[in-house]
Amino acid sequence: MRLQLKFALFNTFTKMLIVVAFWLLLPTFIDNIASIHMDKKLVGKMEKMKKLIQKGGVNQIKDEEDCSYGDYNLLKDEYITLEPYKIILDTFSIKDGHHNFEGETLPYRVLNTTVVYDNQIYMLEIGEGFTSMNLLIKILKKYTFEWMSLFIFLTLLLDLTFSRFLLAPLNRIINKKLKETRHPSSFDFSLSKTSTKDFKYLEESINEMMHKIQNAFTIEKEFITNVSHELLTPISILQSKIETIISDPNTSEEVSMKLLNSQKTLIRLNKIIKTLLLISKIENEQYLKEEQVDIKALINEVIEEIEERLTEKNIVIEQNWEEGFIFQNGNKSLLFTMFFNLISNAIKYNKTNGEIFINGFSQKKKFVVEIRDTGVGIDKSNINHVFERFKRFDNKGVEGYGLGLPIVKTISIFHNITIEVNSEVNKGSTFRLIFKA
């Protein structure tokens, strides 16, 4: 998960905790608000009724029979009564209660107070049904939940936008200093524009590290040049002297056999040194990439060169190409070496009468070449180590120095080719080379 998403989710999560805490307290909070609202409404009605009574506007008070007044609405959510009373109350009271309405007892919020009209004390009772209050509470809860949900969603969007803006310099540093740098010699030491001190310190630290790496690569290049002369030249001289001694008629057969074994050792040493030099030169980008390479035609050239080894083990190669592919800006010689090593391994570690399948196809704007064999396979625990130098996995009777796949990996990195490996013991291995189209 990316840092900016973690940052946004963390902020949203903390706000959600606050919202959840508020939501748990919301019922009590809303109930209190609704009660306060209802009480104010009742007090307002009381004041209006008092003014109306003082003006003599409620003529029903002078009812000859019981001198009382009652008003009930049809929905049973409100009533007002006036009844004769004996004493005057100093204050009014509001409390929850019940009232009998046409034989049905219903819950109300009730206000009680006394008023005086025409030298007569009356008890004024105003009741507000809980139906309206419950409806108000329901509406408040609904809209509160909707607004809280919208708040959380907007918070996530704002946090994502802000974190993206905040981390933009870091992304630029990663792209410029790491992703776009294929070789230390092409490293960009310019500083990115940012007001964040942490990012400035990070970029300066990377620049300082890359200065050290550039110096190390310069020393390595010089070392490679020296090794090429100081090691390969003496080996060539020794080989020539051994050949001269072997060809001498006075050299005994026993000595000649020993010299031949020594010569094989020198040849093997010569191959190892040349291979290591090749890897180093590729890593130091001492090769050009200016050729257009037909991958299908190149693989056919490899198969022609290696055909004799296929015949020795009676191995059949089957090719299936959905379309051809021309690789731009490549080094044909290096790509030939890459495919040669892969197909050579597919033969070397295959079974007699085995098969090799080579498939080429487009996939998501990329071109994929698959090389699959029916050989001994690689244990899953070793797959991550197949590209390590001098790494071999107890394939008895198979010659090699453990440098074939490291060369493949080095050439693929040089050409920005992705390699994926799948393998199963005793069933074979598949190498997928993914070219950017």
Protein backbone atom coordinates (compact mmCIF):
# COMPACT_ATOMS: atom_id res chain seq x y z
CA MET A 1 0.00 0.00 0.00
CA ARG A 2 1.36 3.40 -1.00
CA LEU A 3 2.35 5.94 1.66
CA GLN A 4 -0.15 8.57 0.54
CA LEU A 5 -3.01 6.06 0.77
CA LYS A 6 -1.87 4.95 4.23
CA PHE A 7 -1.72 8.59 5.28
CA ALA A 8 -5.23 9.30 3.98
CA LEU A 9 -6.69 6.13 5.49
CA PHE A 10 -5.12 6.87 8.87
CA ASN A 11 -6.59 10.39 8.93
CA THR A 12 -9.97 9.06 7.83
CA PHE A 13 -9.84 6.28 10.42
CA THR A 14 -9.16 8.71 13.26
CA LYS A 15 -12.02 10.94 12.09
CA MET A 16 -14.27 7.88 11.87
CA LEU A 17 -13.48 7.07 15.50
CA ILE A 18 -14.61 10.57 16.44
CA VAL A 19 -17.73 10.18 14.30
CA VAL A 20 -18.55 6.78 15.82
CA ALA A 21 -18.11 8.20 19.34
CA PHE A 22 -20.38 11.08 18.39
CA TRP A 23 -22.87 8.66 16.83
CA LEU A 24 -23.06 6.65 20.08
CA LEU A 25 -23.82 9.84 22.00
CA LEU A 26 -26.14 11.13 19.27
CA PRO A 27 -29.44 9.60 20.54
CA THR A 28 -29.07 11.27 23.95
CA PHE A 29 -27.92 14.49 22.30
CA ILE A 30 -30.85 14.55 19.87
CA ASP A 31 -33.35 13.60 22.60
CA ASN A 32 -32.17 16.57 24.64
CA ILE A 33 -32.38 18.88 21.65
CA ALA A 34 -35.88 17.63 20.81
CA SER A 35 -37.01 18.05 24.43
CA ILE A 36 -35.64 21.59 24.57
CA HIS A 37 -37.33 22.37 21.27
CA MET A 38 -40.67 20.97 22.49
CA ASP A 39 -40.42 22.80 25.80
CA LYS A 40 -39.80 26.10 24.03
CA LYS A 41 -42.75 25.38 21.77
CA LEU A 42 -44.99 24.70 24.79
CA VAL A 43 -43.85 27.88 26.56
CA GLY A 44 -44.58 29.85 23.41
CA LYS A 45 -48.10 28.42 23.23
CA MET A 46 -48.60 29.18 26.93
CA GLU A 47 -47.70 32.83 26.42
CA LYS A 48 -50.09 33.10 23.48
CA MET A 49 -52.89 31.45 25.46
CA LYS A 50 -52.38 33.80 28.41
CA LYS A 51 -52.61 36.85 26.13
CA LEU A 52 -55.68 35.40 24.42
CA ILE A 53 -57.39 34.73 27.75
CA GLN A 54 -56.58 38.21 29.14
CA LYS A 55 -58.20 39.75 26.07
CA GLY A 56 -61.33 37.64 26.66
CA GLY A 57 -60.88 35.83 23.46
CA VAL A 58 -61.79 32.40 24.84
CA ASN A 59 -65.53 32.78 25.47
CA GLN A 60 -65.95 29.09 26.23
CA ILE A 61 -64.50 29.69 29.71
CA LYS A 62 -67.82 31.05 30.82
CA ASP A 63 -69.56 27.79 30.08
CA GLU A 64 -72.63 27.71 32.39
CA GLU A 65 -72.17 24.04 33.22
CA ASP A 66 -68.51 23.50 34.16
CA CYS A 67 -66.72 26.80 33.41
CA SER A 68 -64.00 24.86 31.47
CA TYR A 69 -62.46 24.88 28.01
CA GLY A 70 -60.89 22.15 25.89
CA ASP A 71 -59.34 22.10 22.44
CA TYR A 72 -58.04 18.90 20.75
CA ASN A 73 -56.71 18.49 17.26
CA LEU A 74 -57.84 15.65 15.07
CA LEU A 75 -54.40 13.97 14.95
CA LYS A 76 -54.26 13.63 18.75
CA ASP A 77 -50.77 15.17 18.87
CA GLU A 78 -51.79 18.33 20.70
CA TYR A 79 -54.41 19.50 23.25
CA ILE A 80 -55.18 22.54 25.41
CA THR A 81 -57.46 22.51 28.47
CA LEU A 82 -58.63 25.18 30.92
CA GLU A 83 -60.29 24.07 34.15
CA PRO A 84 -61.18 25.91 37.32
CA TYR A 85 -58.49 25.72 40.00
CA LYS A 86 -58.22 26.73 43.68
CA ILE A 87 -54.71 28.20 44.02
CA ILE A 88 -52.29 30.18 41.89
CA LEU A 89 -49.02 28.47 40.90
CA ASP A 90 -45.96 30.72 41.04
CA THR A 91 -44.22 28.91 38.13
CA PHE A 92 -45.15 26.60 35.36
CA SER A 93 -44.01 22.97 35.16
CA ILE A 94 -43.17 20.80 32.17
CA LYS A 95 -42.98 17.03 32.43
CA ASP A 96 -43.85 13.83 30.63
CA GLY A 97 -47.36 12.59 31.25
CA HIS A 98 -50.44 10.93 29.81
CA HIS A 99 -53.84 12.22 28.79
CA ASN A 100 -57.10 10.45 28.14
CA PHE A 101 -58.44 11.29 24.74
CA GLU A 102 -61.79 9.68 23.82
CA GLY A 103 -61.09 6.63 25.95
CA GLU A 104 -57.47 6.27 24.73
CA THR A 105 -54.56 7.16 27.04
CA LEU A 106 -51.68 8.68 25.07
CA PRO A 107 -48.20 9.93 26.13
CA TYR A 108 -47.61 13.70 26.01
CA ARG A 109 -45.13 16.32 27.04
CA VAL A 110 -47.33 18.43 29.36
CA LEU A 111 -47.03 22.06 30.51
CA ASN A 112 -49.09 23.11 33.60
CA THR A 113 -49.63 26.65 34.86
CA THR A 114 -52.42 28.84 36.28
CA VAL A 115 -54.07 31.92 34.82
CA VAL A 116 -56.66 34.32 36.29
CA TYR A 117 -59.63 35.45 34.24
CA ASP A 118 -62.64 37.39 35.52
CA ASN A 119 -61.60 36.78 39.18
CA GLN A 120 -61.51 33.05 38.52
CA ILE A 121 -58.36 30.87 38.74
CA TYR A 122 -57.91 28.39 35.91
CA MET A 123 -55.41 25.57 35.39
CA LEU A 124 -53.98 25.83 31.87
CA GLU A 125 -52.65 22.53 30.54
CA ILE A 126 -50.99 22.29 27.16
CA GLY A 127 -49.94 18.87 25.85
CA GLU A 128 -47.68 18.10 22.92
CA GLY A 129 -47.75 14.51 21.68
CA PHE A 130 -44.54 12.52 21.38
CA THR A 131 -45.41 11.64 17.77
CA SER A 132 -44.06 14.95 16.49
CA MET A 133 -41.00 14.74 18.73
CA ASN A 134 -40.24 11.17 17.61
CA LEU A 135 -40.59 12.28 14.01
CA LEU A 136 -38.21 15.14 14.66
CA ILE A 137 -35.69 12.78 16.30
CA LYS A 138 -35.94 10.37 13.36
CA ILE A 139 -35.36 13.18 10.85
CA LEU A 140 -32.42 14.52 12.85
CA LYS A 141 -30.81 11.08 13.06
CA LYS A 142 -31.32 10.44 9.36
CA TYR A 143 -29.82 13.72 8.21
CA THR A 144 -27.04 13.51 10.77
CA PHE A 145 -26.06 10.04 9.47
CA GLU A 146 -26.16 11.24 5.86
CA TRP A 147 -24.06 14.31 6.62
CA MET A 148 -21.57 12.30 8.66
CA SER A 149 -21.18 9.78 5.81
CA LEU A 150 -20.66 12.65 3.36
CA PHE A 151 -18.16 14.19 5.79
CA ILE A 152 -16.13 10.95 5.98
CA PHE A 153 -16.15 10.57 2.18
CA LEU A 154 -15.07 14.19 1.61
CA THR A 155 -12.42 13.79 4.30
CA LEU A 156 -10.95 10.79 2.49
CA LEU A 157 -10.90 12.68 -0.83
CA LEU A 158 -9.33 15.76 0.74
CA ASP A 159 -6.72 13.68 2.57
CA LEU A 160 -5.84 11.80 -0.61
CA THR A 161 -5.54 15.06 -2.54
CA PHE A 162 -3.47 16.72 0.16
CA SER A 163 -1.20 13.70 0.68
CA ARG A 164 -0.67 13.45 -3.08
CA PHE A 165 0.30 17.12 -3.15
CA LEU A 166 2.48 16.69 -0.06
CA LEU A 167 4.28 13.62 -1.41
CA ALA A 168 4.64 14.88 -5.00
CA PRO A 169 8.30 15.94 -4.42
CA LEU A 170 9.07 12.46 -3.03
CA ASN A 171 7.57 10.82 -6.13
CA ARG A 172 9.62 13.12 -8.37
CA ILE A 173 12.78 12.22 -6.45
CA ILE A 174 12.03 8.49 -6.77
CA ASN A 175 11.35 8.74 -10.50
CA LYS A 176 14.32 11.00 -11.31
CA LYS A 177 16.92 9.50 -8.98
CA LEU A 178 15.95 5.83 -8.99
CA LYS A 179 13.56 4.70 -11.74
CA GLU A 180 15.00 6.78 -14.58
CA THR A 181 18.63 6.03 -13.68
CA ARG A 182 19.80 2.94 -15.52
CA HIS A 183 23.48 3.51 -14.86
CA PRO A 184 25.47 5.64 -12.40
CA SER A 185 27.00 7.61 -15.26
CA SER A 186 23.54 8.86 -16.31
CA PHE A 187 22.51 9.96 -12.81
CA ASP A 188 20.86 13.38 -12.53
CA PHE A 189 22.35 15.36 -9.64
CA SER A 190 20.01 18.37 -9.99
CA LEU A 191 17.80 19.10 -6.96
CA SER A 192 14.00 19.01 -7.10
CA LYS A 193 11.89 21.98 -6.03
CA THR A 194 10.40 21.34 -2.59
CA SER A 195 9.85 23.26 0.64
CA THR A 196 9.95 20.09 2.76
CA LYS A 197 13.29 19.81 4.56
CA ASP A 198 12.99 16.01 4.90
CA PHE A 199 12.77 15.59 1.11
CA LYS A 200 15.68 17.96 0.58
CA TYR A 201 17.78 15.96 3.02
CA LEU A 202 16.76 12.69 1.31
CA GLU A 203 17.72 13.96 -2.16
CA GLU A 204 21.03 15.35 -0.94
CA SER A 205 21.80 12.00 0.74
CA ILE A 206 21.01 10.12 -2.49
CA ASN A 207 23.26 12.47 -4.46
CA GLU A 208 26.08 11.93 -2.01
CA MET A 209 25.65 8.16 -2.21
CA MET A 210 25.63 8.26 -6.03
CA HIS A 211 28.90 10.22 -6.07
CA LYS A 212 30.46 7.35 -4.15
CA ILE A 213 28.91 4.78 -6.50
CA GLN A 214 30.18 6.64 -9.57
CA ASN A 215 33.68 6.60 -8.13
CA ALA A 216 33.37 2.88 -7.43
CA PHE A 217 32.24 2.20 -11.02
CA THR A 218 35.13 4.21 -12.40
CA ILE A 219 37.57 2.12 -10.36
CA GLU A 220 35.81 -1.06 -11.56
CA LYS A 221 36.13 -0.03 -15.20
CA GLU A 222 39.83 0.50 -14.73
CA PHE A 223 40.08 -2.85 -12.97
CA ILE A 224 38.29 -4.62 -15.83
CA THR A 225 40.70 -3.11 -18.34
CA ASN A 226 43.67 -4.23 -16.26
CA VAL A 227 42.25 -7.73 -15.75
CA SER A 228 41.70 -8.12 -19.47
CA HIS A 229 45.39 -7.55 -20.10
CA GLU A 230 47.00 -8.96 -16.95
CA LEU A 231 45.06 -12.27 -16.86
CA LEU A 232 44.09 -13.13 -20.41
CA THR A 233 47.52 -12.38 -21.90
CA PRO A 234 49.47 -14.75 -19.58
CA ILE A 235 46.83 -17.47 -20.14
CA SER A 236 47.24 -17.16 -23.91
CA ILE A 237 51.04 -17.35 -23.55
CA LEU A 238 50.75 -20.47 -21.35
CA GLN A 239 48.40 -22.13 -23.86
CA SER A 240 50.83 -21.45 -26.71
CA LYS A 241 53.79 -22.87 -24.74
CA ILE A 242 51.81 -25.99 -23.78
CA GLU A 243 50.82 -26.56 -27.41
CA THR A 244 54.49 -26.20 -28.42
CA ILE A 245 55.60 -28.75 -25.83
CA ILE A 246 52.83 -31.20 -26.79
CA SER A 247 53.76 -30.96 -30.48
CA ASP A 248 57.43 -31.67 -29.67
CA PRO A 249 58.28 -35.29 -30.76
CA ASN A 250 60.51 -35.71 -27.69
CA THR A 251 57.60 -35.21 -25.29
CA SER A 252 56.46 -38.49 -23.80
CA GLU A 253 52.83 -39.60 -23.98
CA GLU A 254 52.42 -39.41 -20.20
CA VAL A 255 53.65 -35.82 -20.10
CA SER A 256 51.46 -34.94 -23.09
CA MET A 257 48.34 -36.22 -21.26
CA LYS A 258 49.15 -34.15 -18.20
CA LEU A 259 49.74 -31.09 -20.35
CA LEU A 260 46.44 -31.66 -22.15
CA ASN A 261 44.61 -31.69 -18.79
CA SER A 262 46.39 -28.47 -17.85
CA GLN A 263 45.40 -26.96 -21.16
CA LYS A 264 41.72 -27.84 -20.50
CA THR A 265 41.97 -26.08 -17.15
CA LEU A 266 43.41 -23.00 -18.86
CA ILE A 267 40.65 -23.06 -21.46
CA ARG A 268 38.01 -23.27 -18.72
CA LEU A 269 39.70 -20.41 -16.83
CA ASN A 270 39.83 -18.37 -20.03
CA LYS A 271 36.08 -18.87 -20.61
CA ILE A 272 35.21 -17.90 -17.02
CA ILE A 273 37.29 -14.70 -17.20
CA LYS A 274 35.81 -13.72 -20.56
CA THR A 275 32.29 -14.35 -19.27
CA LEU A 276 32.86 -12.23 -16.17
CA LEU A 277 34.38 -9.49 -18.32
CA LEU A 278 31.33 -9.64 -20.60
CA ILE A 279 28.97 -9.23 -17.63
CA SER A 280 31.01 -6.32 -16.27
CA LYS A 281 31.14 -4.55 -19.63
CA ILE A 282 27.37 -4.89 -20.05
CA GLU A 283 26.74 -3.61 -16.52
CA ASN A 284 28.99 -0.64 -17.30
CA GLU A 285 27.04 -0.02 -20.52
CA GLN A 286 30.07 -0.36 -22.73
CA TYR A 287 27.89 -1.67 -25.59
CA LEU A 288 25.74 0.27 -28.03
CA LYS A 289 22.00 -0.23 -28.49
CA GLU A 290 21.32 1.11 -31.96
CA GLU A 291 20.02 -1.91 -33.92
CA GLN A 292 16.55 -3.04 -34.90
CA VAL A 293 16.37 -6.75 -34.08
CA ASP A 294 13.83 -9.20 -35.51
CA ILE A 295 13.33 -11.46 -32.49
CA LYS A 296 11.78 -14.37 -34.39
CA ALA A 297 14.59 -14.38 -37.00
CA LEU A 298 17.20 -14.08 -34.23
CA ILE A 299 15.84 -17.15 -32.40
CA ASN A 300 15.88 -19.11 -35.65
CA GLU A 301 19.58 -18.21 -36.02
CA VAL A 302 20.21 -19.53 -32.51
CA ILE A 303 18.37 -22.78 -33.29
CA GLU A 304 20.42 -23.28 -36.46
CA GLU A 305 23.66 -22.86 -34.55
CA ILE A 306 22.62 -25.22 -31.77
CA GLU A 307 20.93 -27.82 -33.99
CA GLU A 308 23.67 -30.41 -33.50
CA ARG A 309 23.07 -30.49 -29.75
CA LEU A 310 19.34 -30.94 -30.34
CA THR A 311 20.07 -33.97 -32.50
CA GLU A 312 22.37 -35.51 -29.87
CA LYS A 313 19.53 -35.65 -27.30
CA ASN A 314 16.76 -36.07 -29.88
CA ILE A 315 15.00 -32.93 -28.64
CA VAL A 316 12.31 -31.30 -30.76
CA ILE A 317 11.65 -27.53 -30.78
CA GLU A 318 8.10 -26.35 -31.51
CA GLN A 319 7.51 -22.68 -32.28
CA ASN A 320 4.23 -20.80 -32.18
CA TRP A 321 4.33 -17.13 -33.16
CA GLU A 322 1.10 -15.12 -33.23
CA GLU A 323 3.03 -12.32 -34.92
CA GLY A 324 6.56 -11.11 -35.47
CA PHE A 325 8.26 -8.49 -33.34
CA ILE A 326 10.97 -5.97 -34.19
CA PHE A 327 12.83 -4.82 -31.08
CA GLN A 328 14.01 -1.21 -31.37
CA ASN A 329 17.32 0.08 -30.00
CA GLY A 330 18.90 -3.26 -29.19
CA ASN A 331 22.27 -4.95 -29.46
CA LYS A 332 21.85 -7.95 -31.72
CA SER A 333 25.00 -9.70 -30.56
CA LEU A 334 24.01 -9.48 -26.89
CA LEU A 335 20.42 -10.53 -27.58
CA PHE A 336 21.76 -13.51 -29.54
CA THR A 337 23.88 -14.46 -26.50
CA MET A 338 20.82 -14.13 -24.24
CA PHE A 339 18.61 -16.44 -26.29
CA PHE A 340 21.52 -18.80 -26.97
CA ASN A 341 22.06 -19.30 -23.24
CA LEU A 342 18.35 -19.80 -22.55
CA ILE A 343 17.86 -22.36 -25.32
CA SER A 344 21.19 -23.99 -24.47
CA ASN A 345 20.00 -24.45 -20.88
CA ALA A 346 16.67 -25.81 -22.12
CA ILE A 347 18.68 -28.48 -23.97
CA LYS A 348 21.28 -29.06 -21.25
CA TYR A 349 18.73 -29.66 -18.49
CA ASN A 350 16.17 -31.41 -20.68
CA LYS A 351 15.51 -35.12 -20.88
CA THR A 352 16.45 -37.27 -23.86
CA ASN A 353 13.58 -37.23 -26.40
CA GLY A 354 12.29 -34.10 -24.69
CA GLU A 355 10.66 -31.03 -26.16
CA ILE A 356 11.20 -27.26 -26.15
CA PHE A 357 8.29 -24.89 -26.82
CA ILE A 358 8.93 -21.31 -27.98
CA ASN A 359 5.90 -19.01 -28.12
CA GLY A 360 5.71 -15.35 -29.15
CA PHE A 361 2.63 -13.20 -28.60
CA SER A 362 1.45 -9.69 -27.69
CA GLN A 363 0.02 -9.05 -24.23
CA LYS A 364 -1.18 -5.70 -22.86
CA LYS A 365 0.89 -3.57 -25.26
CA LYS A 366 3.96 -5.73 -24.62
CA PHE A 367 5.52 -8.61 -26.49
CA VAL A 368 6.19 -11.87 -24.67
CA VAL A 369 8.57 -14.67 -25.65
CA GLU A 370 8.14 -17.93 -23.71
CA ILE A 371 10.77 -20.67 -23.70
CA ARG A 372 9.47 -23.83 -22.02
CA ASP A 373 11.23 -27.19 -21.70
CA THR A 374 10.29 -30.64 -20.42
CA GLY A 375 13.43 -31.06 -18.36
CA VAL A 376 14.40 -31.67 -14.75
CA GLY A 377 12.94 -28.36 -13.51
CA ILE A 378 13.99 -26.19 -10.60
CA ASP A 379 12.86 -26.51 -7.00
CA LYS A 380 10.68 -23.58 -5.92
CA SER A 381 13.09 -22.70 -3.11
CA ASN A 382 15.86 -22.17 -5.70
CA ILE A 383 13.96 -20.12 -8.31
CA ASN A 384 14.91 -16.80 -6.69
CA HIS A 385 18.61 -17.76 -6.90
CA VAL A 386 18.87 -18.94 -10.52
CA PHE A 387 20.37 -15.64 -11.70
CA GLU A 388 23.12 -15.58 -9.07
CA ARG A 389 26.69 -16.05 -10.35
CA PHE A 390 28.29 -19.50 -9.97
CA LYS A 391 24.99 -20.85 -8.57
CA ARG A 392 24.29 -24.44 -9.58
CA PHE A 393 21.75 -26.83 -8.03
CA ASP A 394 23.33 -30.29 -7.90
CA ASN A 395 22.67 -31.20 -11.55
CA LYS A 396 25.16 -34.03 -11.61
CA GLY A 397 26.76 -34.82 -14.94
CA VAL A 398 25.86 -31.43 -16.42
CA GLU A 399 28.79 -29.23 -17.36
CA GLY A 400 28.72 -25.51 -16.64
CA TYR A 401 30.08 -22.71 -14.51
CA GLY A 402 26.84 -21.20 -13.23
CA LEU A 403 27.24 -18.07 -15.38
CA GLY A 404 24.74 -18.67 -18.21
CA LEU A 405 21.66 -17.26 -16.48
CA PRO A 406 23.56 -14.35 -14.86
CA ILE A 407 24.55 -13.30 -18.39
CA VAL A 408 20.89 -13.60 -19.45
CA LYS A 409 19.79 -11.43 -16.54
CA THR A 410 22.48 -8.81 -17.20
CA ILE A 411 21.58 -8.54 -20.89
CA SER A 412 17.85 -8.34 -20.08
CA ILE A 413 18.42 -5.49 -17.61
CA PHE A 414 20.60 -3.72 -20.18
CA HIS A 415 17.71 -3.91 -22.68
CA ASN A 416 14.96 -3.24 -20.08
CA ILE A 417 13.48 -6.71 -20.61
CA THR A 418 11.55 -8.30 -17.73
CA ILE A 419 12.17 -12.00 -17.01
CA GLU A 420 9.74 -14.27 -15.14
CA VAL A 421 10.58 -17.87 -14.18
CA ASN A 422 8.17 -20.70 -13.42
CA SER A 423 9.36 -24.23 -12.82
CA GLU A 424 8.35 -27.57 -11.37
CA VAL A 425 10.71 -30.39 -10.52
CA ASN A 426 10.71 -33.23 -13.11
CA LYS A 427 8.21 -31.33 -15.28
CA GLY A 428 10.29 -28.51 -16.75
CA SER A 429 10.88 -24.77 -16.62
CA THR A 430 9.38 -21.75 -18.37
CA PHE A 431 11.24 -18.49 -18.93
CA ARG A 432 9.05 -15.52 -19.95
CA LEU A 433 10.81 -12.53 -21.53
CA ILE A 434 8.60 -9.44 -21.62
CA PHE A 435 9.62 -6.76 -24.15
CA LYS A 436 8.22 -3.26 -24.04
CA ALA A 437 6.49 -2.72 -27.37
